[in-house]
Amino acid sequence: MELIIDVRNHFYGTLLALSGIQLTVSSGGVVAIIGPSGCGKSTLLGIVGGLLKPTDGLVSSRGTVPDGCLNPLTYVFQDFSLLPWMTVSQNISFVLDHHSLSTVEQQRRVADVIKQMDLSDFAHAFPRQLSGGMRQRVGIARALVVRPAVLLMDEPFSALDAQTRDLMIQDFLDLWVRERITTLYVTHNIDEAVRLADQVVVLSRRPGRIKAVVPIEIPQQRRQEIEFAPNLSRLRDELWSLIRDEAITANREFAHD
């Protein structure tokens, strides 16, 4: 499913947070959004996901949803938001409770995503028994169990250590290659953006405007290969040069606050 985003303005009271955001996320594509702190990345994701209504603008979609889709747009957050009194299986299945699915169908869906996210050995474990990476696997499995058309990912790996984050990025890439789910991905991490996205959208400081759209034409599954390292390094440098000065200013402002 394709997303068409046209947010002309979005205000918080008298504060203009976003302006002139016109963006299309192609069906099956991955678009990463980066920018300095406070530029409106999460606000934009909230508008796309229907959590916020833009002051002036519209988000629409085009295309068909997958068979059995229960929730076309589904979030994966930085905060795992797992219920501590529920097992892995229960944390995944509870999002199906308000849908008119048979018990057999619920069990089948949960079993499928548990296998997909390599959680079979942890199906009956509680969140406190899991590492951060495993808890985030549960969060992604919970998003997948509704068979979404679009994933909205808000800093999903930022709370993880570097090694675990690298493993989770690879898991996401494997998932994306299999499922080709349209994804809008918000991150502060330029390396994540370069590794995952088909194109990277750079937002300016508040009000957030599209400063640049940088395509990444190297196939995701080949970006770890040595031959592409110089190209990827240049892309990282280009993206950092686009946000560096504003990021420094934003950090000084936040520190002053």
Protein backbone atom coordinates (compact mmCIF):
# COMPACT_ATOMS: atom_id res chain seq x y z
CA MET A 1 0.00 0.00 0.00
CA GLU A 2 1.28 3.45 -0.95
CA LEU A 3 1.15 6.42 1.46
CA ILE A 4 0.60 9.96 0.23
CA ILE A 5 1.50 12.56 2.89
CA ASP A 6 0.53 16.21 2.45
CA VAL A 7 0.90 18.10 5.74
CA ARG A 8 0.81 21.76 4.86
CA ASN A 9 1.01 22.98 8.47
CA HIS A 10 0.74 21.54 11.93
CA PHE A 11 0.59 23.74 15.02
CA TYR A 12 0.83 23.07 18.74
CA GLY A 13 -1.08 26.11 19.92
CA THR A 14 0.78 28.98 18.27
CA LEU A 15 3.95 26.94 17.66
CA LEU A 16 4.40 25.82 14.05
CA ALA A 17 5.82 22.28 14.26
CA LEU A 18 5.64 21.09 10.64
CA SER A 19 5.26 22.91 7.33
CA GLY A 20 5.15 21.89 3.69
CA ILE A 21 5.61 18.13 4.16
CA GLN A 22 4.77 16.47 0.86
CA LEU A 23 6.00 12.92 0.64
CA THR A 24 5.03 9.63 -0.97
CA VAL A 25 6.07 6.28 0.50
CA SER A 26 5.87 3.77 -2.33
CA SER A 27 4.27 0.39 -1.84
CA GLY A 28 6.79 -2.01 -0.34
CA GLY A 29 9.35 0.75 0.22
CA VAL A 30 11.25 1.84 3.32
CA VAL A 31 11.53 5.58 3.95
CA ALA A 32 13.61 6.81 6.89
CA ILE A 33 13.09 10.24 8.45
CA ILE A 34 16.02 11.93 10.18
CA GLY A 35 16.69 15.41 11.49
CA PRO A 36 17.82 17.39 14.53
CA SER A 37 16.07 16.98 17.88
CA GLY A 38 12.68 18.65 17.98
CA CYS A 39 12.24 18.81 14.20
CA GLY A 40 8.89 17.00 14.30
CA LYS A 41 9.81 13.45 13.24
CA SER A 42 7.57 11.73 15.79
CA THR A 43 4.84 14.32 15.25
CA LEU A 44 4.82 13.47 11.55
CA LEU A 45 4.64 9.76 12.33
CA GLY A 46 1.75 10.43 14.70
CA ILE A 47 -0.12 12.28 11.96
CA VAL A 48 0.47 9.47 9.48
CA GLY A 49 -0.72 6.92 12.03
CA GLY A 50 -3.86 8.85 12.87
CA LEU A 51 -2.84 9.66 16.44
CA LEU A 52 -2.78 13.37 15.55
CA LYS A 53 -4.94 15.37 13.17
CA PRO A 54 -2.90 17.81 11.11
CA THR A 55 -3.89 21.46 11.43
CA ASP A 56 -3.91 21.69 7.64
CA GLY A 57 -3.27 18.66 5.52
CA LEU A 58 -4.18 15.12 4.63
CA VAL A 59 -2.67 11.64 4.68
CA SER A 60 -4.14 9.17 2.21
CA SER A 61 -3.32 5.72 0.87
CA ARG A 62 -3.51 3.97 -2.45
CA GLY A 63 -3.49 0.27 -3.22
CA THR A 64 -4.68 -2.92 -1.60
CA VAL A 65 -4.04 -4.28 1.87
CA PRO A 66 -2.72 -7.82 2.49
CA ASP A 67 -5.10 -10.73 2.86
CA GLY A 68 -6.26 -10.99 6.45
CA CYS A 69 -5.14 -7.45 7.33
CA LEU A 70 -6.77 -6.35 10.58
CA ASN A 71 -5.03 -3.00 11.02
CA PRO A 72 -3.58 -1.33 7.89
CA LEU A 73 -1.23 1.02 9.81
CA THR A 74 0.61 -0.46 12.79
CA TYR A 75 3.19 1.08 15.13
CA VAL A 76 6.44 -0.29 16.53
CA PHE A 77 7.67 1.98 19.33
CA GLN A 78 10.99 2.49 21.10
CA ASP A 79 9.24 1.49 24.31
CA PHE A 80 8.45 -2.21 24.05
CA SER A 81 5.20 -1.66 26.02
CA LEU A 82 4.86 -5.32 26.96
CA LEU A 83 2.46 -6.25 29.73
CA PRO A 84 4.65 -7.78 32.48
CA TRP A 85 1.99 -10.21 33.74
CA MET A 86 1.53 -11.79 30.29
CA THR A 87 3.74 -14.31 28.52
CA VAL A 88 5.22 -13.69 25.09
CA SER A 89 2.32 -15.51 23.42
CA GLN A 90 -0.24 -13.59 25.46
CA ASN A 91 1.41 -10.22 24.74
CA ILE A 92 1.13 -10.96 21.05
CA SER A 93 -2.37 -12.43 21.05
CA PHE A 94 -4.09 -9.75 23.15
CA VAL A 95 -4.10 -7.32 20.19
CA LEU A 96 -6.37 -9.82 18.40
CA ASP A 97 -8.94 -10.03 21.18
CA HIS A 98 -11.23 -7.32 19.83
CA HIS A 99 -11.27 -8.80 16.33
CA SER A 100 -13.79 -11.40 15.28
CA LEU A 101 -11.32 -14.23 14.83
CA SER A 102 -11.85 -17.81 15.93
CA THR A 103 -9.61 -19.16 18.67
CA VAL A 104 -7.98 -21.45 16.11
CA GLU A 105 -7.20 -18.53 13.79
CA GLN A 106 -5.77 -16.47 16.67
CA GLN A 107 -3.55 -19.35 17.72
CA ARG A 108 -2.40 -19.89 14.13
CA ARG A 109 -1.48 -16.24 13.66
CA VAL A 110 0.41 -16.08 16.94
CA ALA A 111 2.29 -19.28 16.16
CA ASP A 112 3.23 -17.93 12.72
CA VAL A 113 4.73 -14.66 13.99
CA ILE A 114 6.48 -16.38 16.92
CA LYS A 115 8.22 -18.61 14.40
CA GLN A 116 8.86 -15.67 12.07
CA MET A 117 10.59 -13.66 14.81
CA ASP A 118 12.51 -16.66 16.19
CA LEU A 119 10.67 -16.61 19.52
CA SER A 120 9.65 -20.27 19.69
CA ASP A 121 11.86 -20.99 22.72
CA PHE A 122 10.38 -18.00 24.58
CA ALA A 123 6.64 -18.34 23.87
CA HIS A 124 5.83 -19.00 27.54
CA ALA A 125 8.39 -16.63 29.05
CA PHE A 126 7.52 -13.34 30.75
CA PRO A 127 9.03 -9.99 29.66
CA ARG A 128 11.27 -9.79 32.75
CA GLN A 129 12.98 -12.98 31.58
CA LEU A 130 13.91 -11.54 28.19
CA SER A 131 16.77 -9.39 26.96
CA GLY A 132 16.04 -6.02 25.39
CA GLY A 133 16.46 -7.44 21.92
CA MET A 134 14.07 -10.30 22.60
CA ARG A 135 11.50 -7.90 24.04
CA GLN A 136 11.66 -5.83 20.89
CA ARG A 137 11.21 -8.99 18.82
CA VAL A 138 7.97 -9.49 20.75
CA GLY A 139 6.96 -5.91 19.96
CA ILE A 140 7.54 -6.48 16.24
CA ALA A 141 5.73 -9.84 16.35
CA ARG A 142 2.76 -8.10 17.98
CA ALA A 143 2.72 -5.60 15.10
CA LEU A 144 2.95 -8.35 12.48
CA VAL A 145 0.18 -10.50 13.90
CA VAL A 146 -2.46 -8.09 12.51
CA ARG A 147 -0.85 -8.39 9.04
CA PRO A 148 -0.37 -4.64 8.50
CA ALA A 149 -0.09 -2.91 5.16
CA VAL A 150 2.22 -0.25 6.63
CA LEU A 151 4.67 -0.31 9.56
CA LEU A 152 5.29 2.96 11.39
CA MET A 153 8.51 2.57 13.35
CA ASP A 154 9.45 5.21 15.92
CA GLU A 155 13.09 4.79 17.05
CA PRO A 156 12.47 1.03 17.51
CA PHE A 157 16.07 0.05 18.24
CA SER A 158 17.42 3.14 20.01
CA ALA A 159 17.14 1.60 23.50
CA LEU A 160 19.30 -1.39 22.54
CA ASP A 161 23.06 -1.79 22.82
CA ALA A 162 25.07 -1.56 19.60
CA GLN A 163 25.47 -5.31 19.03
CA THR A 164 21.82 -6.07 19.70
CA ARG A 165 20.74 -3.16 17.50
CA ASP A 166 22.84 -4.50 14.63
CA LEU A 167 21.24 -7.94 14.98
CA MET A 168 17.76 -6.44 15.10
CA ILE A 169 18.42 -4.37 11.99
CA GLN A 170 19.39 -7.54 10.15
CA ASP A 171 16.26 -9.29 11.42
CA PHE A 172 14.15 -6.40 10.16
CA LEU A 173 15.84 -6.53 6.76
CA ASP A 174 15.20 -10.27 6.52
CA LEU A 175 11.55 -9.64 7.41
CA TRP A 176 11.25 -6.82 4.88
CA VAL A 177 12.75 -8.93 2.07
CA ARG A 178 10.19 -11.65 2.81
CA GLU A 179 7.12 -9.50 3.34
CA ARG A 180 7.84 -6.18 1.55
CA ILE A 181 5.80 -4.20 4.05
CA THR A 182 5.65 -0.47 3.33
CA THR A 183 7.60 1.18 6.16
CA LEU A 184 8.03 4.70 7.49
CA TYR A 185 10.97 4.69 9.88
CA VAL A 186 11.89 7.52 12.27
CA THR A 187 15.41 7.50 13.69
CA HIS A 188 18.18 9.72 15.07
CA ASN A 189 20.73 7.18 13.86
CA ILE A 190 22.14 7.95 10.41
CA ASP A 191 23.75 4.51 10.15
CA GLU A 192 20.34 2.87 10.68
CA ALA A 193 18.79 5.08 8.02
CA VAL A 194 21.51 4.28 5.49
CA ARG A 195 21.35 0.56 6.21
CA LEU A 196 17.57 0.21 6.05
CA ALA A 197 16.00 2.79 3.76
CA ASP A 198 15.33 3.13 0.05
CA GLN A 199 15.35 6.87 0.61
CA VAL A 200 16.16 9.12 3.55
CA VAL A 201 14.10 12.24 4.20
CA VAL A 202 15.96 14.98 6.08
CA LEU A 203 13.85 17.41 8.09
CA SER A 204 14.98 20.88 9.10
CA ARG A 205 14.75 22.38 12.56
CA ARG A 206 11.35 23.50 13.76
CA PRO A 207 9.24 24.08 11.89
CA GLY A 208 10.13 20.77 10.30
CA ARG A 209 10.35 21.07 6.55
CA ILE A 210 11.78 18.63 4.02
CA LYS A 211 15.35 19.77 3.52
CA ALA A 212 16.41 16.91 1.25
CA VAL A 213 15.34 13.50 0.01
CA VAL A 214 18.37 11.26 -0.49
CA PRO A 215 17.86 7.99 -2.43
CA ILE A 216 19.94 4.94 -1.56
CA GLU A 217 20.13 2.72 -4.61
CA ILE A 218 22.26 -0.12 -3.21
CA PRO A 219 20.04 -3.13 -2.39
CA GLN A 220 19.59 -3.41 1.40
CA GLN A 221 20.83 -6.97 1.57
CA ARG A 222 24.16 -6.00 -0.05
CA ARG A 223 25.00 -2.97 2.05
CA GLN A 224 27.24 -4.96 4.40
CA GLU A 225 29.51 -5.96 1.51
CA ILE A 226 32.94 -4.33 1.46
CA GLU A 227 32.66 -3.12 -2.13
CA PHE A 228 29.84 -0.75 -1.18
CA ALA A 229 31.50 0.66 1.95
CA PRO A 230 32.92 3.81 0.24
CA ASN A 231 29.54 4.71 -1.28
CA LEU A 232 27.73 4.22 2.00
CA SER A 233 30.33 6.24 3.84
CA ARG A 234 29.81 9.13 1.41
CA LEU A 235 26.06 8.91 1.94
CA ARG A 236 26.51 9.04 5.74
CA ASP A 237 28.76 12.09 5.37
CA GLU A 238 26.24 13.77 3.06
CA LEU A 239 23.37 13.18 5.47
CA TRP A 240 25.37 14.34 8.48
CA SER A 241 26.40 17.50 6.63
CA LEU A 242 22.71 18.25 6.06
CA ILE A 243 21.81 18.14 9.76
CA ARG A 244 25.08 18.84 11.62
CA ASP A 245 24.77 22.59 12.19
CA GLU A 246 21.10 22.43 13.11
CA ALA A 247 21.72 19.43 15.38
CA ILE A 248 24.40 21.40 17.25
CA THR A 249 22.03 24.35 17.68
CA ALA A 250 19.17 22.10 18.78
CA ASN A 251 21.36 20.37 21.37
CA ARG A 252 22.43 23.71 22.81
CA GLU A 253 18.82 24.79 23.06
CA PHE A 254 17.78 21.57 24.80
CA ALA A 255 20.75 21.78 27.17
CA HIS A 256 19.82 25.38 28.00
CA ASP A 257 16.23 24.32 28.76
